[in-house]
């Protein structure tokens, strides 16, 4: 089975540059590109067990804050996610680690540094990142949500009602309520407002509803 590496970034030229880095480190791998979070999610589902690594930008259509990391990690928790983004290093590095990423690099890093990080991620290594103590417990709880539960939570963050979330996700309103009950239990909060506040403090928000 040919292993696949997903490059998820909305800038074609940067995707091309990352593709060159991947070709040098893993010439046997098939590179798959995505310019939006929706497309990245689709690729992840289609690739299945062949997916070996995700190279992810935080700021792409469909994602705000750290929602892209959280959602893709929920879809494939065993697949390493290496974030390569122009986001503030000091703030973003511990946050992406809390949501399951194995490392964070700035887009201004040298190609050699990026290649080294790709090789390390493929080898199963994680960058040494101090996530700190603040919000760490809640981040672990959010990261433990299933993909659908996370999408329901994001719907709540966006102010969507249960029937609207049901429409967005193509499921019944009763199913949304079931997932919401599970979300409250996993986050150890008493209501939707508390769940939204808890997740928002971690930067877990999206710009749109069709995640």
Protein backbone atom coordinates (compact mmCIF):
# COMPACT_ATOMS: atom_id res chain seq x y z
CA UNK A 1 0.00 0.00 0.00
CA UNK A 2 1.42 3.37 -1.06
CA UNK A 3 1.50 5.70 1.89
CA UNK A 4 -0.11 9.10 1.46
CA UNK A 5 0.84 12.46 2.87
CA UNK A 6 -1.75 15.23 3.01
CA UNK A 7 -0.65 18.83 2.50
CA UNK A 8 -3.48 21.06 3.71
CA UNK A 9 -2.81 24.73 2.96
CA UNK A 10 -4.76 27.32 0.98
CA UNK A 11 -1.66 28.75 -0.74
CA UNK A 12 -0.77 26.74 -3.90
CA UNK A 13 2.85 27.90 -3.97
CA UNK A 14 3.45 26.85 -0.38
CA UNK A 15 1.78 23.49 -1.07
CA UNK A 16 4.21 23.09 -3.95
CA UNK A 17 7.17 23.91 -1.71
CA UNK A 18 6.02 21.40 0.89
CA UNK A 19 5.54 18.84 -1.86
CA UNK A 20 9.21 19.26 -2.80
CA UNK A 21 10.21 18.76 0.83
CA UNK A 22 8.13 15.60 1.05
CA UNK A 23 9.64 14.26 -2.18
CA UNK A 24 13.13 14.60 -0.70
CA UNK A 25 12.26 12.89 2.59
CA UNK A 26 9.68 10.33 1.42
CA UNK A 27 10.04 9.83 -2.35
CA UNK A 28 7.83 6.75 -2.20
CA UNK A 29 4.86 8.64 -0.75
CA UNK A 30 1.88 9.97 -2.68
CA UNK A 31 1.18 13.62 -1.96
CA UNK A 32 -2.47 14.69 -1.75
CA UNK A 33 -3.34 18.39 -1.52
CA UNK A 34 -6.23 20.28 0.05
CA UNK A 35 -6.93 24.00 0.09
CA UNK A 36 -9.85 23.99 2.53
CA UNK A 37 -10.73 22.21 5.76
CA UNK A 38 -13.69 20.51 4.07
CA UNK A 39 -11.41 19.10 1.38
CA UNK A 40 -8.81 18.04 3.94
CA UNK A 41 -11.46 16.16 5.91
CA UNK A 42 -12.61 14.42 2.73
CA UNK A 43 -9.07 13.38 1.84
CA UNK A 44 -8.49 12.02 5.34
CA UNK A 45 -11.61 9.87 5.11
CA UNK A 46 -10.77 8.62 1.61
CA UNK A 47 -7.13 7.83 2.37
CA UNK A 48 -7.91 5.49 5.26
CA UNK A 49 -4.99 3.48 6.60
CA UNK A 50 -2.72 4.68 3.79
CA UNK A 51 -2.51 8.15 5.35
CA UNK A 52 0.90 8.52 7.01
CA UNK A 53 1.16 12.25 7.80
CA UNK A 54 -0.77 15.52 7.67
CA UNK A 55 1.04 18.81 7.03
CA UNK A 56 -1.43 21.44 8.15
CA UNK A 57 -1.86 25.19 7.99
CA UNK A 58 -4.09 26.62 10.71
CA UNK A 59 -5.59 29.44 8.67
CA UNK A 60 -7.49 28.01 5.73
CA UNK A 61 -11.09 28.37 4.57
CA UNK A 62 -13.41 26.64 7.04
CA UNK A 63 -11.12 26.92 10.05
CA UNK A 64 -10.44 29.51 12.72
CA UNK A 65 -8.30 29.10 15.79
CA UNK A 66 -7.25 25.49 16.30
CA UNK A 67 -10.37 23.81 14.94
CA UNK A 68 -8.52 22.27 11.97
CA UNK A 69 -6.10 20.46 14.27
CA UNK A 70 -8.85 19.29 16.60
CA UNK A 71 -11.12 18.06 13.80
CA UNK A 72 -8.48 16.21 11.79
CA UNK A 73 -6.99 14.67 14.94
CA UNK A 74 -10.47 13.47 15.89
CA UNK A 75 -10.85 11.89 12.45
CA UNK A 76 -7.49 10.07 12.53
CA UNK A 77 -5.97 10.16 16.02
CA UNK A 78 -3.19 7.75 15.04
CA UNK A 79 -1.93 9.90 12.14
CA UNK A 80 0.72 12.52 13.06
CA UNK A 81 -0.18 16.13 12.31
CA UNK A 82 2.66 18.59 11.75
CA UNK A 83 1.42 22.17 11.77
CA UNK A 84 3.30 24.60 9.50
CA UNK A 85 1.75 28.02 9.88
CA UNK A 86 2.40 31.75 10.07
CA UNK A 87 0.51 31.91 13.38
CA UNK A 88 2.31 33.32 16.41
CA UNK A 89 4.83 30.71 17.49
CA UNK A 90 4.69 31.25 21.24
CA UNK A 91 0.91 31.12 21.39
CA UNK A 92 0.22 28.45 18.78
CA UNK A 93 2.87 25.83 19.54
CA UNK A 94 1.51 24.71 22.94
CA UNK A 95 -2.10 24.94 21.72
CA UNK A 96 -1.67 22.70 18.69
CA UNK A 97 0.14 20.18 20.89
CA UNK A 98 -2.84 20.13 23.27
CA UNK A 99 -5.10 19.24 20.36
CA UNK A 100 -2.93 16.39 19.14
CA UNK A 101 -0.32 17.83 16.75
CA UNK A 102 3.17 16.33 16.96
CA UNK A 103 4.86 19.63 16.23
CA UNK A 104 4.65 23.22 15.02
CA UNK A 105 6.87 25.12 12.59
CA UNK A 106 6.66 28.65 11.30
CA UNK A 107 6.36 29.17 7.56
CA UNK A 108 9.57 31.21 7.70
CA UNK A 109 11.63 28.15 8.67
CA UNK A 110 14.23 26.91 6.19
CA UNK A 111 13.36 24.08 3.82
CA UNK A 112 16.00 21.95 5.56
CA UNK A 113 14.34 22.48 8.94
CA UNK A 114 10.95 21.57 7.49
CA UNK A 115 12.39 18.44 5.85
CA UNK A 116 13.94 17.37 9.16
CA UNK A 117 10.61 17.87 10.94
CA UNK A 118 8.76 15.86 8.29
CA UNK A 119 11.23 13.00 8.65
CA UNK A 120 10.89 13.06 12.43
CA UNK A 121 7.08 13.06 12.26
CA UNK A 122 7.10 10.10 9.86
CA UNK A 123 9.42 8.30 12.29
CA UNK A 124 6.87 8.76 15.07
CA UNK A 125 8.72 11.46 16.97
CA UNK A 126 7.05 14.42 18.67
CA UNK A 127 8.61 17.81 19.16
CA UNK A 128 9.37 18.71 22.75
CA UNK A 129 6.66 21.26 23.49
CA UNK A 130 5.77 22.65 26.90
CA UNK A 131 1.97 22.86 26.85
CA UNK A 132 1.84 24.44 30.30
CA UNK A 133 -0.84 23.74 32.86
CA UNK A 134 -3.47 26.32 31.93
CA UNK A 135 -6.48 24.78 30.20
CA UNK A 136 -4.57 21.55 29.58
CA UNK A 137 -7.18 19.32 31.20
CA UNK A 138 -10.01 20.87 29.17
CA UNK A 139 -7.97 20.63 25.97
CA UNK A 140 -7.52 16.89 26.56
CA UNK A 141 -11.27 16.55 27.07
CA UNK A 142 -12.04 18.40 23.85
CA UNK A 143 -9.45 16.31 22.01
CA UNK A 144 -11.20 13.16 23.26
CA UNK A 145 -14.45 14.03 21.47
CA UNK A 146 -15.42 12.04 18.39
CA UNK A 147 -15.46 13.88 15.03
CA UNK A 148 -19.26 14.23 15.11
CA UNK A 149 -19.29 15.36 18.74
CA UNK A 150 -16.66 17.97 17.88
CA UNK A 151 -18.74 19.22 14.95
CA UNK A 152 -21.77 19.49 17.20
CA UNK A 153 -19.71 21.51 19.69
CA UNK A 154 -18.48 23.80 16.91
CA UNK A 155 -22.08 24.27 15.83
CA UNK A 156 -22.90 25.39 19.36
CA UNK A 157 -19.92 27.77 19.26
CA UNK A 158 -21.36 29.28 16.09
CA UNK A 159 -24.70 29.87 17.80
CA UNK A 160 -26.54 27.18 15.83
CA UNK A 161 -29.69 25.58 17.23
CA UNK A 162 -30.00 21.79 17.39
CA UNK A 163 -32.22 21.67 14.30
CA UNK A 164 -29.71 23.83 12.40
CA UNK A 165 -26.79 21.65 13.47
CA UNK A 166 -28.80 18.60 12.39
CA UNK A 167 -29.30 20.16 8.95
CA UNK A 168 -25.62 21.13 8.68
CA UNK A 169 -24.42 17.61 9.53
CA UNK A 170 -27.16 15.67 7.75
CA UNK A 171 -28.35 13.90 10.89
CA UNK A 172 -31.54 13.96 12.95
CA UNK A 173 -32.19 16.48 15.70
CA UNK A 174 -32.51 13.59 18.16
CA UNK A 175 -29.03 12.43 17.18
CA UNK A 176 -27.69 15.94 17.76
CA UNK A 177 -29.20 15.92 21.26
CA UNK A 178 -27.58 12.56 21.96
CA UNK A 179 -24.20 13.85 20.85
CA UNK A 180 -24.65 17.04 22.87
CA UNK A 181 -25.35 15.00 26.00
CA UNK A 182 -22.13 13.10 25.40
CA UNK A 183 -20.22 16.36 24.85
CA UNK A 184 -21.44 17.81 28.16
CA UNK A 185 -20.48 14.62 29.96
CA UNK A 186 -16.99 14.44 28.41
CA UNK A 187 -16.28 18.12 29.06
CA UNK A 188 -17.74 17.82 32.58
CA UNK A 189 -19.94 20.90 32.14
CA UNK A 190 -23.63 21.41 32.89
CA UNK A 191 -25.01 23.11 29.78
CA UNK A 192 -24.38 24.31 26.22
CA UNK A 193 -23.22 27.74 27.34
CA UNK A 194 -20.56 26.30 29.63
CA UNK A 195 -19.43 23.93 26.86
CA UNK A 196 -19.11 26.81 24.39
CA UNK A 197 -17.20 28.96 26.87
CA UNK A 198 -14.83 26.12 27.71
CA UNK A 199 -14.03 25.42 24.08
CA UNK A 200 -13.78 29.11 23.13
CA UNK A 201 -11.09 29.72 25.73
CA UNK A 202 -8.98 27.21 23.79
CA UNK A 203 -9.39 29.06 20.49
CA UNK A 204 -11.67 26.33 19.14
CA UNK A 205 -13.92 28.23 16.76
CA UNK A 206 -14.81 28.11 13.06
CA UNK A 207 -15.73 30.75 10.55
CA UNK A 208 -18.56 28.83 8.92
CA UNK A 209 -21.12 26.14 9.58
CA UNK A 210 -20.23 23.51 6.97
CA UNK A 211 -17.16 22.08 8.64
